Amino acid sequence: MVVGIVAILGNIMMYASPLSVMKLVISTKSVEYMPFFLSLASFANGVAWTTYAFLPFDPFIAVPNGLGTLFSLAQLLLYATYYGSTKRIIAARKETKVEMNLSEVVVNGNVDTKKSSSTRAF
C-alpha cells in the first residue's frame, strides 16, 4: 500500500512538474520556454491511462492519471492562448537584432588590458 501511494504521488508530480513554467508563460505572454510536444505527449499518456483505468474502474490508476490529464489540458490551453503572441515577440526580437558579444561587455566601466603576473598560493 505504501509503495502504491508513493507511486501515485510520483505520478502526480511528474504530470505537475511542467506547470512550474506556467507562471513564466503568463507573465511574459510567451510559450517560448514551454515545449509543446511534451505537453501533448503528457496529455495523450494521461488520456490513455485514464481510459484504461475506467475499463475495470481502478481508482488508484484513474485519480492520478485523471489529474494528469487535467494538468496537461491546462498546459495545452495555455499554449493555444499565448502561441500567437510568442510568434510576434520572436519576430520583434529578430527585427531589433540586439546582440552583444562577450568581448564588448565592460564590467564597472573599466577595461583592464594588463595582465597581472602575481599569483596567489592557496
Protein backbone atom coordinates (compact mmCIF):
# COMPACT_ATOMS: atom_id res chain seq x y z
CA MET A 1 0.00 0.00 0.00
CA VAL A 2 2.84 2.41 0.87
CA VAL A 3 4.61 1.70 -2.40
CA GLY A 4 1.39 2.38 -4.30
CA ILE A 5 0.87 5.73 -2.57
CA VAL A 6 4.47 6.73 -3.29
CA ALA A 7 3.95 5.75 -6.94
CA ILE A 8 0.74 7.80 -7.11
CA LEU A 9 2.48 10.84 -5.64
CA GLY A 10 5.37 10.43 -8.08
CA ASN A 11 2.91 10.17 -10.96
CA ILE A 12 1.12 13.37 -9.93
CA MET A 13 4.44 15.21 -9.52
CA MET A 14 5.50 14.04 -12.98
CA TYR A 15 2.36 15.49 -14.53
CA ALA A 16 2.51 18.70 -12.47
CA SER A 17 6.21 19.50 -12.96
CA PRO A 18 5.76 21.38 -16.27
CA LEU A 19 3.16 23.58 -14.53
CA SER A 20 6.01 25.47 -12.86
CA VAL A 21 6.61 27.17 -16.21
CA MET A 22 3.01 28.41 -16.35
CA LYS A 23 3.77 31.49 -14.21
CA LEU A 24 6.60 32.43 -16.58
CA VAL A 25 4.36 31.89 -19.60
CA ILE A 26 1.61 34.09 -18.16
CA SER A 27 3.97 36.87 -17.05
CA THR A 28 5.89 37.00 -20.36
CA LYS A 29 2.88 36.13 -22.54
CA SER A 30 5.18 33.78 -24.42
CA VAL A 31 5.26 29.99 -24.66
CA GLU A 32 8.89 30.05 -25.75
CA TYR A 33 10.02 28.04 -22.73
CA MET A 34 7.15 25.55 -22.65
CA PRO A 35 7.69 22.61 -25.01
CA PHE A 36 4.53 21.77 -26.96
CA PHE A 37 5.32 18.12 -27.69
CA LEU A 38 5.97 17.37 -24.00
CA SER A 39 2.54 18.78 -23.13
CA LEU A 40 0.90 16.88 -26.00
CA ALA A 41 2.57 13.57 -25.09
CA SER A 42 1.67 14.07 -21.43
CA PHE A 43 -1.97 14.68 -22.41
CA ALA A 44 -2.06 11.59 -24.65
CA ASN A 45 -0.49 9.48 -21.90
CA GLY A 46 -2.98 10.75 -19.34
CA VAL A 47 -5.94 10.07 -21.62
CA ALA A 48 -4.73 6.56 -22.40
CA TRP A 49 -4.18 5.61 -18.74
CA THR A 50 -7.44 7.24 -17.60
CA THR A 51 -9.35 5.32 -20.26
CA TYR A 52 -7.63 2.11 -19.19
CA ALA A 53 -8.50 2.84 -15.54
CA PHE A 54 -12.21 3.18 -16.30
CA LEU A 55 -12.48 -0.21 -18.02
CA PRO A 56 -12.34 -2.21 -14.75
CA PHE A 57 -12.55 1.06 -12.72
CA ASP A 58 -9.39 1.22 -10.71
CA PRO A 59 -9.34 4.45 -8.67
CA PHE A 60 -5.61 4.09 -7.96
CA ILE A 61 -4.93 4.49 -11.68
CA ALA A 62 -7.86 6.79 -12.51
CA VAL A 63 -7.24 9.54 -9.95
CA PRO A 64 -3.57 10.39 -10.63
CA ASN A 65 -3.88 9.99 -14.37
CA GLY A 66 -7.15 11.93 -14.45
CA LEU A 67 -5.38 14.76 -12.63
CA GLY A 68 -2.51 14.43 -15.09
CA THR A 69 -4.93 14.72 -17.99
CA LEU A 70 -6.36 17.91 -16.49
CA PHE A 71 -2.88 19.36 -15.85
CA SER A 72 -1.85 18.57 -19.42
CA LEU A 73 -5.06 20.05 -20.80
CA ALA A 74 -4.33 23.26 -18.86
CA GLN A 75 -0.86 23.37 -20.45
CA LEU A 76 -2.27 22.87 -23.95
CA LEU A 77 -4.90 25.58 -23.40
CA LEU A 78 -2.20 27.95 -22.17
CA TYR A 79 -0.08 27.09 -25.20
CA ALA A 80 -3.00 27.79 -27.55
CA THR A 81 -3.70 31.09 -25.78
CA TYR A 82 -0.17 32.53 -25.99
CA TYR A 83 1.14 30.92 -29.19
CA GLY A 84 0.29 33.92 -31.42
CA SER A 85 1.92 36.44 -29.09
CA THR A 86 5.05 34.29 -28.94
CA LYS A 87 5.43 34.50 -32.72
CA ARG A 88 5.12 38.31 -32.52
CA ILE A 89 7.66 38.55 -29.67
CA ILE A 90 10.21 36.42 -31.53
CA ALA A 91 9.69 38.42 -34.75
CA ALA A 92 10.17 41.69 -32.86
CA ARG A 93 13.32 40.34 -31.25
CA LYS A 94 14.72 39.40 -34.67
CA GLU A 95 13.92 42.88 -36.00
CA THR A 96 15.85 44.69 -33.30
CA LYS A 97 18.86 42.37 -33.55
CA VAL A 98 20.27 43.48 -30.23
CA GLU A 99 23.20 41.17 -29.86
CA MET A 100 26.25 41.62 -27.71
CA ASN A 101 29.45 39.67 -27.77
CA LEU A 102 31.21 38.89 -24.55
CA SER A 103 34.21 40.92 -25.73
CA GLU A 104 32.00 44.02 -25.69
CA VAL A 105 30.94 43.66 -22.09
CA VAL A 106 32.62 46.13 -19.75
CA VAL A 107 32.37 45.49 -16.03
CA ASN A 108 32.30 48.54 -13.71
CA GLY A 109 33.22 50.82 -16.60
CA ASN A 110 36.86 49.68 -16.63
CA VAL A 111 38.65 47.83 -19.34
CA ASP A 112 41.86 46.36 -17.97
CA THR A 113 44.13 45.02 -20.68
CA LYS A 114 47.14 44.49 -18.38
CA LYS A 115 47.60 41.02 -17.04
CA SER A 116 48.83 40.59 -13.53
CA SER A 117 51.92 38.43 -13.17
CA SER A 118 51.40 37.78 -9.49
CA THR A 119 49.91 34.50 -8.39
CA ARG A 120 48.39 33.53 -5.13
CA ALA A 121 49.26 30.44 -3.22
CA PHE A 122 46.38 28.70 -1.55
